[in-house]
Amino acid sequence: MWEDKMVILTTDHGHALAESEKKVTQYAKGHPMFEDVANIPLIIFHPEIEGKKRIDTTFSTIVDLRATILHALGAKSDDAMMEDGKSLIPVMRGEQKSIR
């Protein structure tokens, strides 16, 4: 069953547990975010890509998940369905260090 299935595990946001001395990071256009709310888990299994590695060289957003899924289904990077997203597959394959 794993031979032709891609699985993505993530969350919609992290949780701030009322800890003092929070580190605030500027991730987006003028919207400060707490590190523990913005830095969320993202685990992707792709049957054609060697796994068991941690990639921390890129920043991704929710639109990149759609682009990654479309890429896995055969869409090209210039496809209008990609919108503003960028596929994470080249990073997972080791072809790129970052998508942004």
PDB file of N, CA and C in Angstrom:
ATOM      1  N   MET A   1       0.805  -1.192   0.000  1.00  0.00           N
ATOM      2  CA  MET A   1       0.000   0.000   0.000  1.00  0.00           C
ATOM      3  C   MET A   1       0.858   1.270   0.000  1.00  0.00           C
ATOM      4  N   TRP A   2       2.056   1.237   0.604  1.00  0.00           N
ATOM      5  CA  TRP A   2       2.913   2.411   0.686  1.00  0.00           C
ATOM      6  C   TRP A   2       3.601   2.748  -0.628  1.00  0.00           C
ATOM      7  N   GLU A   3       3.540   1.865  -1.622  1.00  0.00           N
ATOM      8  CA  GLU A   3       4.290   2.064  -2.867  1.00  0.00           C
ATOM      9  C   GLU A   3       3.802   3.232  -3.705  1.00  0.00           C
ATOM     10  N   ASP A   4       2.546   3.636  -3.560  1.00  0.00           N
ATOM     11  CA  ASP A   4       2.036   4.729  -4.387  1.00  0.00           C
ATOM     12  C   ASP A   4       1.224   5.755  -3.581  1.00  0.00           C
ATOM     13  N   LYS A   5       1.550   5.921  -2.306  1.00  0.00           N
ATOM     14  CA  LYS A   5       0.835   6.871  -1.451  1.00  0.00           C
ATOM     15  C   LYS A   5       1.795   7.892  -0.848  1.00  0.00           C
ATOM     16  N   MET A   6       1.392   9.161  -0.892  1.00  0.00           N
ATOM     17  CA  MET A   6       2.118  10.207  -0.195  1.00  0.00           C
ATOM     18  C   MET A   6       1.291  10.578   1.036  1.00  0.00           C
ATOM     19  N   VAL A   7       1.932  10.708   2.187  1.00  0.00           N
ATOM     20  CA  VAL A   7       1.241  11.039   3.432  1.00  0.00           C
ATOM     21  C   VAL A   7       1.846  12.320   3.997  1.00  0.00           C
ATOM     22  N   ILE A   8       0.976  13.252   4.384  1.00  0.00           N
ATOM     23  CA  ILE A   8       1.416  14.510   4.984  1.00  0.00           C
ATOM     24  C   ILE A   8       0.777  14.624   6.358  1.00  0.00           C
ATOM     25  N   LEU A   9       1.605  14.878   7.360  1.00  0.00           N
ATOM     26  CA  LEU A   9       1.135  15.070   8.727  1.00  0.00           C
ATOM     27  C   LEU A   9       1.580  16.451   9.187  1.00  0.00           C
ATOM     28  N   THR A  10       0.629  17.273   9.604  1.00  0.00           N
ATOM     29  CA  THR A  10       0.953  18.615  10.081  1.00  0.00           C
ATOM     30  C   THR A  10      -0.149  19.087  11.025  1.00  0.00           C
ATOM     31  N   THR A  11      -0.033  20.299  11.521  1.00  0.00           N
ATOM     32  CA  THR A  11      -1.062  20.912  12.357  1.00  0.00           C
ATOM     33  C   THR A  11      -1.368  22.294  11.801  1.00  0.00           C
ATOM     34  N   ASP A  12      -2.413  22.916  12.313  1.00  0.00           N
ATOM     35  CA  ASP A  12      -2.743  24.256  11.815  1.00  0.00           C
ATOM     36  C   ASP A  12      -1.961  25.343  12.546  1.00  0.00           C
ATOM     37  N   HIS A  13      -1.534  25.083  13.764  1.00  0.00           N
ATOM     38  CA  HIS A  13      -0.694  26.019  14.496  1.00  0.00           C
ATOM     39  C   HIS A  13      -0.152  25.338  15.741  1.00  0.00           C
ATOM     40  N   GLY A  14       0.856  25.947  16.326  1.00  0.00           N
ATOM     41  CA  GLY A  14       1.386  25.426  17.578  1.00  0.00           C
ATOM     42  C   GLY A  14       0.566  25.957  18.742  1.00  0.00           C
ATOM     43  N   HIS A  15       1.063  25.789  19.943  1.00  0.00           N
ATOM     44  CA  HIS A  15       0.337  26.256  21.123  1.00  0.00           C
ATOM     45  C   HIS A  15       1.250  27.063  22.030  1.00  0.00           C
ATOM     46  N   ALA A  16       0.786  28.238  22.420  1.00  0.00           N
ATOM     47  CA  ALA A  16       1.492  29.045  23.402  1.00  0.00           C
ATOM     48  C   ALA A  16       0.935  28.644  24.768  1.00  0.00           C
ATOM     49  N   LEU A  17       1.770  28.157  25.638  1.00  0.00           N
ATOM     50  CA  LEU A  17       1.326  27.646  26.926  1.00  0.00           C
ATOM     51  C   LEU A  17       1.614  28.623  28.065  1.00  0.00           C
ATOM     52  N   ALA A  18       1.434  29.906  27.808  1.00  0.00           N
ATOM     53  CA  ALA A  18       1.574  30.960  28.817  1.00  0.00           C
ATOM     54  C   ALA A  18       2.948  30.971  29.482  1.00  0.00           C
ATOM     55  N   GLU A  19       3.952  30.644  28.731  1.00  0.00           N
ATOM     56  CA  GLU A  19       5.313  30.691  29.254  1.00  0.00           C
ATOM     57  C   GLU A  19       5.827  32.117  29.135  1.00  0.00           C
ATOM     58  N   SER A  20       6.576  32.552  30.121  1.00  0.00           N
ATOM     59  CA  SER A  20       7.111  33.918  30.062  1.00  0.00           C
ATOM     60  C   SER A  20       8.325  33.970  29.132  1.00  0.00           C
ATOM     61  N   GLU A  21       8.719  35.162  28.771  1.00  0.00           N
ATOM     62  CA  GLU A  21       9.897  35.378  27.923  1.00  0.00           C
ATOM     63  C   GLU A  21       9.769  34.702  26.559  1.00  0.00           C
ATOM     64  N   LYS A  22       8.618  34.873  25.914  1.00  0.00           N
ATOM     65  CA  LYS A  22       8.405  34.293  24.588  1.00  0.00           C
ATOM     66  C   LYS A  22       9.289  34.996  23.557  1.00  0.00           C
ATOM     67  N   LYS A  23       9.801  34.218  22.624  1.00  0.00           N
ATOM     68  CA  LYS A  23      10.580  34.778  21.527  1.00  0.00           C
ATOM     69  C   LYS A  23       9.616  35.137  20.395  1.00  0.00           C
ATOM     70  N   VAL A  24       9.571  36.412  20.007  1.00  0.00           N
ATOM     71  CA  VAL A  24       8.703  36.864  18.929  1.00  0.00           C
ATOM     72  C   VAL A  24       9.544  36.961  17.663  1.00  0.00           C
ATOM     73  N   THR A  25       9.062  36.360  16.593  1.00  0.00           N
ATOM     74  CA  THR A  25       9.774  36.358  15.316  1.00  0.00           C
ATOM     75  C   THR A  25       8.889  36.981  14.245  1.00  0.00           C
ATOM     76  N   GLN A  26       9.467  37.790  13.386  1.00  0.00           N
ATOM     77  CA  GLN A  26       8.735  38.422  12.292  1.00  0.00           C
ATOM     78  C   GLN A  26       8.723  37.464  11.107  1.00  0.00           C
ATOM     79  N   TYR A  27       7.650  36.679  10.924  1.00  0.00           N
ATOM     80  CA  TYR A  27       7.566  35.705   9.836  1.00  0.00           C
ATOM     81  C   TYR A  27       6.920  36.265   8.580  1.00  0.00           C
ATOM     82  N   ALA A  28       5.931  37.122   8.730  1.00  0.00           N
ATOM     83  CA  ALA A  28       5.181  37.588   7.575  1.00  0.00           C
ATOM     84  C   ALA A  28       5.249  39.107   7.487  1.00  0.00           C
ATOM     85  N   LYS A  29       4.468  39.666   6.613  1.00  0.00           N
ATOM     86  CA  LYS A  29       4.479  41.096   6.349  1.00  0.00           C
ATOM     87  C   LYS A  29       3.889  41.869   7.531  1.00  0.00           C
ATOM     88  N   GLY A  30       4.716  42.191   8.505  1.00  0.00           N
ATOM     89  CA  GLY A  30       4.275  42.991   9.623  1.00  0.00           C
ATOM     90  C   GLY A  30       3.454  42.260  10.671  1.00  0.00           C
ATOM     91  N   HIS A  31       3.436  40.937  10.649  1.00  0.00           N
ATOM     92  CA  HIS A  31       2.663  40.174  11.626  1.00  0.00           C
ATOM     93  C   HIS A  31       3.602  39.384  12.527  1.00  0.00           C
ATOM     94  N   PRO A  32       3.907  39.909  13.717  1.00  0.00           N
ATOM     95  CA  PRO A  32       4.796  39.157  14.608  1.00  0.00           C
ATOM     96  C   PRO A  32       4.108  37.893  15.112  1.00  0.00           C
ATOM     97  N   MET A  33       4.852  36.804  15.199  1.00  0.00           N
ATOM     98  CA  MET A  33       4.319  35.515  15.652  1.00  0.00           C
ATOM     99  C   MET A  33       5.240  34.956  16.719  1.00  0.00           C
ATOM    100  N   PHE A  34       4.674  34.320  17.728  1.00  0.00           N
ATOM    101  CA  PHE A  34       5.491  33.622  18.699  1.00  0.00           C
ATOM    102  C   PHE A  34       6.071  32.380  18.045  1.00  0.00           C
ATOM    103  N   GLU A  35       7.316  32.096  18.334  1.00  0.00           N
ATOM    104  CA  GLU A  35       8.026  30.952  17.750  1.00  0.00           C
ATOM    105  C   GLU A  35       7.253  29.643  17.932  1.00  0.00           C
ATOM    106  N   ASP A  36       6.702  29.411  19.116  1.00  0.00           N
ATOM    107  CA  ASP A  36       6.034  28.139  19.367  1.00  0.00           C
ATOM    108  C   ASP A  36       4.671  28.029  18.682  1.00  0.00           C
ATOM    109  N   VAL A  37       4.117  29.130  18.203  1.00  0.00           N
ATOM    110  CA  VAL A  37       2.856  29.092  17.462  1.00  0.00           C
ATOM    111  C   VAL A  37       3.121  28.942  15.966  1.00  0.00           C
ATOM    112  N   ALA A  38       4.191  29.536  15.481  1.00  0.00           N
ATOM    113  CA  ALA A  38       4.489  29.536  14.052  1.00  0.00           C
ATOM    114  C   ALA A  38       5.332  28.344  13.605  1.00  0.00           C
ATOM    115  N   ASN A  39       6.138  27.795  14.488  1.00  0.00           N
ATOM    116  CA  ASN A  39       7.027  26.682  14.138  1.00  0.00           C
ATOM    117  C   ASN A  39       6.297  25.375  14.430  1.00  0.00           C
ATOM    118  N   ILE A  40       5.624  24.815  13.410  1.00  0.00           N
ATOM    119  CA  ILE A  40       4.769  23.646  13.616  1.00  0.00           C
ATOM    120  C   ILE A  40       5.344  22.409  12.927  1.00  0.00           C
ATOM    121  N   PRO A  41       4.922  21.227  13.345  1.00  0.00           N
ATOM    122  CA  PRO A  41       5.431  20.006  12.720  1.00  0.00           C
ATOM    123  C   PRO A  41       4.915  19.834  11.299  1.00  0.00           C
ATOM    124  N   LEU A  42       5.764  19.325  10.439  1.00  0.00           N
ATOM    125  CA  LEU A  42       5.390  18.963   9.075  1.00  0.00           C
ATOM    126  C   LEU A  42       6.193  17.718   8.722  1.00  0.00           C
ATOM    127  N   ILE A  43       5.498  16.616   8.570  1.00  0.00           N
ATOM    128  CA  ILE A  43       6.131  15.343   8.220  1.00  0.00           C
ATOM    129  C   ILE A  43       5.530  14.883   6.903  1.00  0.00           C
ATOM    130  N   ILE A  44       6.389  14.614   5.923  1.00  0.00           N
ATOM    131  CA  ILE A  44       5.915  14.174   4.612  1.00  0.00           C
ATOM    132  C   ILE A  44       6.589  12.859   4.256  1.00  0.00           C
ATOM    133  N   PHE A  45       5.774  11.867   3.892  1.00  0.00           N
ATOM    134  CA  PHE A  45       6.286  10.607   3.356  1.00  0.00           C
ATOM    135  C   PHE A  45       5.944  10.578   1.879  1.00  0.00           C
ATOM    136  N   HIS A  46       6.938  10.347   1.044  1.00  0.00           N
ATOM    137  CA  HIS A  46       6.745  10.179  -0.405  1.00  0.00           C
ATOM    138  C   HIS A  46       7.453   8.889  -0.782  1.00  0.00           C
ATOM    139  N   PRO A  47       6.755   7.962  -1.438  1.00  0.00           N
ATOM    140  CA  PRO A  47       7.345   6.647  -1.703  1.00  0.00           C
ATOM    141  C   PRO A  47       8.580   6.654  -2.590  1.00  0.00           C
ATOM    142  N   GLU A  48       8.792   7.719  -3.363  1.00  0.00           N
ATOM    143  CA  GLU A  48       9.932   7.759  -4.277  1.00  0.00           C
ATOM    144  C   GLU A  48      11.103   8.574  -3.736  1.00  0.00           C
ATOM    145  N   ILE A  49      10.985   9.080  -2.513  1.00  0.00           N
ATOM    146  CA  ILE A  49      12.025   9.930  -1.948  1.00  0.00           C
ATOM    147  C   ILE A  49      12.539   9.289  -0.668  1.00  0.00           C
ATOM    148  N   GLU A  50      13.880   9.185  -0.577  1.00  0.00           N
ATOM    149  CA  GLU A  50      14.492   8.614   0.613  1.00  0.00           C
ATOM    150  C   GLU A  50      14.124   9.446   1.837  1.00  0.00           C
ATOM    151  N   GLY A  51      13.712   8.791   2.873  1.00  0.00           N
ATOM    152  CA  GLY A  51      13.236   9.492   4.056  1.00  0.00           C
ATOM    153  C   GLY A  51      14.229   9.498   5.192  1.00  0.00           C
ATOM    154  N   LYS A  52      13.691   9.609   6.384  1.00  0.00           N
ATOM    155  CA  LYS A  52      14.458   9.618   7.625  1.00  0.00           C
ATOM    156  C   LYS A  52      15.482  10.752   7.675  1.00  0.00           C
ATOM    157  N   LYS A  53      15.061  11.926   7.205  1.00  0.00           N
ATOM    158  CA  LYS A  53      15.959  13.074   7.304  1.00  0.00           C
ATOM    159  C   LYS A  53      15.152  14.294   7.736  1.00  0.00           C
ATOM    160  N   ARG A  54      15.822  15.168   8.457  1.00  0.00           N
ATOM    161  CA  ARG A  54      15.210  16.408   8.912  1.00  0.00           C
ATOM    162  C   ARG A  54      15.693  17.529   8.009  1.00  0.00           C
ATOM    163  N   ILE A  55      14.761  18.294   7.481  1.00  0.00           N
ATOM    164  CA  ILE A  55      15.106  19.417   6.608  1.00  0.00           C
ATOM    165  C   ILE A  55      14.727  20.695   7.341  1.00  0.00           C
ATOM    166  N   ASP A  56      15.708  21.525   7.612  1.00  0.00           N
ATOM    167  CA  ASP A  56      15.432  22.781   8.299  1.00  0.00           C
ATOM    168  C   ASP A  56      16.044  23.971   7.552  1.00  0.00           C
ATOM    169  N   THR A  57      16.151  23.839   6.247  1.00  0.00           N
ATOM    170  CA  THR A  57      16.772  24.883   5.435  1.00  0.00           C
ATOM    171  C   THR A  57      15.757  25.762   4.717  1.00  0.00           C
ATOM    172  N   THR A  58      14.469  25.506   4.899  1.00  0.00           N
ATOM    173  CA  THR A  58      13.470  26.289   4.177  1.00  0.00           C
ATOM    174  C   THR A  58      12.303  26.653   5.073  1.00  0.00           C
ATOM    175  N   PHE A  59      11.561  27.637   4.654  1.00  0.00           N
ATOM    176  CA  PHE A  59      10.357  28.112   5.322  1.00  0.00           C
ATOM    177  C   PHE A  59       9.201  27.766   4.401  1.00  0.00           C
ATOM    178  N   SER A  60       8.124  27.218   4.934  1.00  0.00           N
ATOM    179  CA  SER A  60       6.974  26.889   4.088  1.00  0.00           C
ATOM    180  C   SER A  60       5.688  27.377   4.729  1.00  0.00           C
ATOM    181  N   THR A  61       4.650  27.506   3.907  1.00  0.00           N
ATOM    182  CA  THR A  61       3.335  27.933   4.372  1.00  0.00           C
ATOM    183  C   THR A  61       2.287  26.955   3.848  1.00  0.00           C
ATOM    184  N   ILE A  62       1.045  27.179   4.216  1.00  0.00           N
ATOM    185  CA  ILE A  62      -0.036  26.275   3.835  1.00  0.00           C
ATOM    186  C   ILE A  62      -0.201  26.167   2.312  1.00  0.00           C
ATOM    187  N   VAL A  63       0.045  27.235   1.575  1.00  0.00           N
ATOM    188  CA  VAL A  63      -0.104  27.163   0.117  1.00  0.00           C
ATOM    189  C   VAL A  63       0.956  26.250  -0.507  1.00  0.00           C
ATOM    190  N   ASP A  64       2.071  26.040   0.209  1.00  0.00           N
ATOM    191  CA  ASP A  64       3.104  25.135  -0.287  1.00  0.00           C
ATOM    192  C   ASP A  64       2.665  23.674  -0.184  1.00  0.00           C
ATOM    193  N   LEU A  65       1.798  23.368   0.761  1.00  0.00           N
ATOM    194  CA  LEU A  65       1.276  21.996   0.851  1.00  0.00           C
ATOM    195  C   LEU A  65       0.440  21.664  -0.372  1.00  0.00           C
ATOM    196  N   ARG A  66      -0.410  22.609  -0.784  1.00  0.00           N
ATOM    197  CA  ARG A  66      -1.213  22.379  -1.996  1.00  0.00           C
ATOM    198  C   ARG A  66      -0.299  22.212  -3.207  1.00  0.00           C
ATOM    199  N   ALA A  67       0.699  23.052  -3.335  1.00  0.00           N
ATOM    200  CA  ALA A  67       1.631  22.952  -4.461  1.00  0.00           C
ATOM    201  C   ALA A  67       2.385  21.621  -4.425  1.00  0.00           C
ATOM    202  N   THR A  68       2.752  21.158  -3.243  1.00  0.00           N
ATOM    203  CA  THR A  68       3.465  19.881  -3.096  1.00  0.00           C
ATOM    204  C   THR A  68       2.574  18.721  -3.517  1.00  0.00           C
ATOM    205  N   ILE A  69       1.319  18.748  -3.101  1.00  0.00           N
ATOM    206  CA  ILE A  69       0.370  17.688  -3.478  1.00  0.00           C
ATOM    207  C   ILE A  69       0.134  17.711  -4.986  1.00  0.00           C
ATOM    208  N   LEU A  70      -0.075  18.884  -5.558  1.00  0.00           N
ATOM    209  CA  LEU A  70      -0.295  18.984  -7.007  1.00  0.00           C
ATOM    210  C   LEU A  70       0.928  18.513  -7.786  1.00  0.00           C
ATOM    211  N   HIS A  71       2.135  18.864  -7.313  1.00  0.00           N
ATOM    212  CA  HIS A  71       3.375  18.423  -7.940  1.00  0.00           C
ATOM    213  C   HIS A  71       3.455  16.895  -7.929  1.00  0.00           C
ATOM    214  N   ALA A  72       3.118  16.295  -6.791  1.00  0.00           N
ATOM    215  CA  ALA A  72       3.147  14.830  -6.684  1.00  0.00           C
ATOM    216  C   ALA A  72       2.150  14.173  -7.638  1.00  0.00           C
ATOM    217  N   LEU A  73       1.080  14.896  -7.960  1.00  0.00           N
ATOM    218  CA  LEU A  73       0.067  14.374  -8.882  1.00  0.00           C
ATOM    219  C   LEU A  73       0.386  14.682 -10.341  1.00  0.00           C
ATOM    220  N   GLY A  74       1.497  15.383 -10.595  1.00  0.00           N
ATOM    221  CA  GLY A  74       1.930  15.625 -11.973  1.00  0.00           C
ATOM    222  C   GLY A  74       1.824  17.049 -12.473  1.00  0.00           C
ATOM    223  N   ALA A  75       1.367  17.994 -11.654  1.00  0.00           N
ATOM    224  CA  ALA A  75       1.268  19.390 -12.090  1.00  0.00           C
ATOM    225  C   ALA A  75       2.668  19.989 -12.235  1.00  0.00           C
ATOM    226  N   LYS A  76       2.798  20.943 -13.111  1.00  0.00           N
ATOM    227  CA  LYS A  76       4.067  21.654 -13.317  1.00  0.00           C
ATOM    228  C   LYS A  76       4.081  22.926 -12.488  1.00  0.00           C
ATOM    229  N   SER A  77       5.263  23.465 -12.220  1.00  0.00           N
ATOM    230  CA  SER A  77       5.394  24.643 -11.357  1.00  0.00           C
ATOM    231  C   SER A  77       4.720  25.883 -11.938  1.00  0.00           C
ATOM    232  N   ASP A  78       4.490  25.932 -13.251  1.00  0.00           N
ATOM    233  CA  ASP A  78       3.825  27.090 -13.852  1.00  0.00           C
ATOM    234  C   ASP A  78       2.311  26.896 -13.968  1.00  0.00           C
ATOM    235  N   ASP A  79       1.789  25.809 -13.440  1.00  0.00           N
ATOM    236  CA  ASP A  79       0.355  25.530 -13.468  1.00  0.00           C
ATOM    237  C   ASP A  79      -0.376  26.598 -12.654  1.00  0.00           C
ATOM    238  N   ALA A  80      -1.477  27.120 -13.185  1.00  0.00           N
ATOM    239  CA  ALA A  80      -2.245  28.162 -12.498  1.00  0.00           C
ATOM    240  C   ALA A  80      -2.777  27.686 -11.153  1.00  0.00           C
ATOM    241  N   MET A  81      -2.968  26.395 -10.975  1.00  0.00           N
ATOM    242  CA  MET A  81      -3.472  25.851  -9.720  1.00  0.00           C
ATOM    243  C   MET A  81      -2.456  25.999  -8.584  1.00  0.00           C
ATOM    244  N   MET A  82      -1.182  26.202  -8.923  1.00  0.00           N
ATOM    245  CA  MET A  82      -0.155  26.337  -7.895  1.00  0.00           C
ATOM    246  C   MET A  82      -0.296  27.644  -7.122  1.00  0.00           C
ATOM    247  N   GLU A  83      -0.928  28.671  -7.738  1.00  0.00           N
ATOM    248  CA  GLU A  83      -1.078  29.979  -7.124  1.00  0.00           C
ATOM    249  C   GLU A  83       0.264  30.495  -6.625  1.00  0.00           C
ATOM    250  N   ASP A  84       0.360  30.845  -5.363  1.00  0.00           N
ATOM    251  CA  ASP A  84       1.597  31.377  -4.790  1.00  0.00           C
ATOM    252  C   ASP A  84       2.453  30.312  -4.140  1.00  0.00           C
ATOM    253  N   GLY A  85       1.972  29.078  -4.099  1.00  0.00           N
ATOM    254  CA  GLY A  85       2.695  28.011  -3.423  1.00  0.00           C
ATOM    255  C   GLY A  85       3.863  27.482  -4.231  1.00  0.00           C
ATOM    256  N   LYS A  86       4.812  26.899  -3.523  1.00  0.00           N
ATOM    257  CA  LYS A  86       5.978  26.271  -4.147  1.00  0.00           C
ATOM    258  C   LYS A  86       6.097  24.855  -3.587  1.00  0.00           C
ATOM    259  N   SER A  87       6.313  23.901  -4.471  1.00  0.00           N
ATOM    260  CA  SER A  87       6.413  22.509  -4.057  1.00  0.00           C
ATOM    261  C   SER A  87       7.642  22.268  -3.182  1.00  0.00           C
ATOM    262  N   LEU A  88       7.462  21.450  -2.168  1.00  0.00           N
ATOM    263  CA  LEU A  88       8.570  21.071  -1.289  1.00  0.00           C
ATOM    264  C   LEU A  88       9.323  19.848  -1.816  1.00  0.00           C
ATOM    265  N   ILE A  89       8.826  19.220  -2.860  1.00  0.00           N
ATOM    266  CA  ILE A  89       9.455  18.004  -3.386  1.00  0.00           C
ATOM    267  C   ILE A  89      10.907  18.224  -3.813  1.00  0.00           C
ATOM    268  N   PRO A  90      11.264  19.313  -4.512  1.00  0.00           N
ATOM    269  CA  PRO A  90      12.682  19.513  -4.846  1.00  0.00           C
ATOM    270  C   PRO A  90      13.584  19.608  -3.609  1.00  0.00           C
ATOM    271  N   VAL A  91      13.074  20.174  -2.518  1.00  0.00           N
ATOM    272  CA  VAL A  91      13.847  20.255  -1.280  1.00  0.00           C
ATOM    273  C   VAL A  91      13.976  18.855  -0.674  1.00  0.00           C
ATOM    274  N   MET A  92      12.892  18.098  -0.692  1.00  0.00           N
ATOM    275  CA  MET A  92      12.916  16.744  -0.147  1.00  0.00           C
ATOM    276  C   MET A  92      13.876  15.839  -0.924  1.00  0.00           C
ATOM    277  N   ARG A  93      13.969  16.057  -2.232  1.00  0.00           N
ATOM    278  CA  ARG A  93      14.880  15.263  -3.077  1.00  0.00           C
ATOM    279  C   ARG A  93      16.335  15.715  -2.947  1.00  0.00           C
ATOM    280  N   GLY A  94      16.576  16.875  -2.357  1.00  0.00           N
ATOM    281  CA  GLY A  94      17.926  17.399  -2.235  1.00  0.00           C
ATOM    282  C   GLY A  94      18.358  18.217  -3.432  1.00  0.00           C
ATOM    283  N   GLU A  95      17.434  18.557  -4.324  1.00  0.00           N
ATOM    284  CA  GLU A  95      17.734  19.341  -5.521  1.00  0.00           C
ATOM    285  C   GLU A  95      17.837  20.841  -5.208  1.00  0.00           C
ATOM    286  N   GLN A  96      17.174  21.280  -4.149  1.00  0.00           N
ATOM    287  CA  GLN A  96      17.195  22.681  -3.709  1.00  0.00           C
ATOM    288  C   GLN A  96      17.373  22.683  -2.191  1.00  0.00           C
ATOM    289  N   LYS A  97      17.917  23.778  -1.677  1.00  0.00           N
ATOM    290  CA  LYS A  97      18.039  23.947  -0.227  1.00  0.00           C
ATOM    291  C   LYS A  97      16.799  24.600   0.349  1.00  0.00           C
ATOM    292  N   SER A  98      16.169  25.498  -0.447  1.00  0.00           N
ATOM    293  CA  SER A  98      15.055  26.275   0.048  1.00  0.00           C
ATOM    294  C   SER A  98      14.091  26.615  -1.083  1.00  0.00           C
ATOM    295  N   ILE A  99      12.818  26.850  -0.725  1.00  0.00           N
ATOM    296  CA  ILE A  99      11.858  27.302  -1.723  1.00  0.00           C
ATOM    297  C   ILE A  99      11.610  28.802  -1.606  1.00  0.00           C
ATOM    298  N   ARG A 100      12.127  29.412  -0.543  1.00  0.00           N
ATOM    299  CA  ARG A 100      11.996  30.872  -0.355  1.00  0.00           C
ATOM    300  C   ARG A 100      13.302  31.443   0.129  1.00  0.00           C
TER     301      ARG A 100
END
